[in-house]
Protein backbone atom coordinates (compact mmCIF):
# COMPACT_ATOMS: atom_id res chain seq x y z
CA MET A 1 117.58 81.99 104.84
CA ASN A 2 118.36 80.30 108.53
CA PRO A 3 115.78 81.50 111.32
CA LYS A 4 118.51 82.41 113.63
CA LEU A 5 119.71 84.97 110.99
CA LEU A 6 116.48 86.66 110.19
CA ILE A 7 115.69 87.07 113.99
CA GLY A 8 118.82 88.05 114.90
CA ILE A 9 118.84 90.85 111.82
CA ILE A 10 115.05 91.74 113.20
CA LEU A 11 116.75 91.66 116.93
CA VAL A 12 119.93 94.34 115.50
CA VAL A 13 117.39 96.69 113.65
CA ILE A 14 114.86 96.98 116.82
CA GLY A 15 118.29 97.76 119.16
CA ILE A 16 119.40 100.31 116.97
CA ILE A 17 115.73 102.20 116.55
CA GLY A 18 115.61 101.72 120.58
CA LEU A 19 118.82 103.30 121.46
CA ALA A 20 118.34 105.84 118.55
CA TYR A 21 114.68 106.84 119.77
CA GLN A 22 114.79 105.81 123.24
CA GLY A 23 110.80 105.74 123.50
CA PHE A 24 107.88 107.01 121.63
CA THR A 25 104.89 109.47 121.79
CA TYR A 26 100.99 109.37 120.81
CA THR A 27 98.21 111.99 120.70
CA THR A 28 94.73 111.21 122.68
CA ARG A 29 91.86 113.48 122.24
CA GLU A 30 89.84 113.98 125.31
CA ARG A 31 86.38 115.85 125.91
CA VAL A 32 86.70 118.38 128.35
CA VAL A 33 83.69 120.37 128.36
CA ASP A 34 80.11 118.70 127.42
CA ALA A 35 77.66 121.34 128.33
CA GLY A 36 74.97 120.78 125.94
CA PRO A 37 75.22 122.15 122.18
CA ILE A 38 79.12 123.07 123.50
CA HIS A 39 81.73 120.88 123.42
CA VAL A 40 85.32 121.20 123.96
CA ASP A 41 88.03 118.74 123.27
CA ALA A 42 92.02 118.79 124.37
CA ASP A 43 94.73 117.17 122.73
CA LYS A 44 96.55 115.49 125.28
CA THR A 45 100.00 113.74 124.47
CA HIS A 46 101.45 110.59 125.70
CA THR A 47 104.99 109.61 126.26
CA VAL A 48 106.00 105.88 126.24
CA PRO A 49 110.02 105.54 127.31
CA ILE A 50 112.08 102.81 126.65
CA ALA A 51 114.80 102.47 128.34
CA PRO A 52 118.32 102.35 126.61
CA ILE A 53 119.39 99.04 128.03
CA VAL A 54 116.03 97.44 126.48
CA GLY A 55 117.81 98.71 123.07
CA GLY A 56 121.48 97.47 124.25
CA VAL A 57 119.74 94.15 125.20
CA ALA A 58 118.01 93.82 121.43
CA LEU A 59 121.18 94.64 119.85
CA ALA A 60 123.62 92.35 121.91
CA GLY A 61 121.00 89.47 121.04
CA GLY A 62 120.66 89.92 117.51
CA LEU A 63 124.39 90.24 117.04
CA ALA A 64 124.78 86.80 119.01
CA LEU A 65 122.42 85.65 116.87
CA LEU A 66 124.09 86.42 113.82
CA VAL A 67 127.03 85.29 115.30
CA LEU A 68 125.16 81.33 116.06
CA GLY A 69 123.70 81.54 112.91
CA ARG A 70 126.58 81.96 110.52
CA SER A 71 128.61 79.11 112.55
CA GLY A 72 125.86 76.90 112.78
CA LYS A 73 125.15 77.46 108.70
CA ASN A 74 129.13 76.32 108.03
CA SER A 75 128.94 73.03 110.23
């Protein structure tokens, strides 16, 4: 398989996922109180936003690589 096609497919998939989810969240555990035998932990949720333009650029770049990869194969 042509490397341009493979990278193009990966970028298209990443672009679609980026446009669909527009970010991801993860949870960390943080110690709030540590007083002798008493320990209190709290879960904290963090969100990492991904701008829709990033998904659009990845999708467009992937489609361009797919087109270039297929046209380069015929020559």
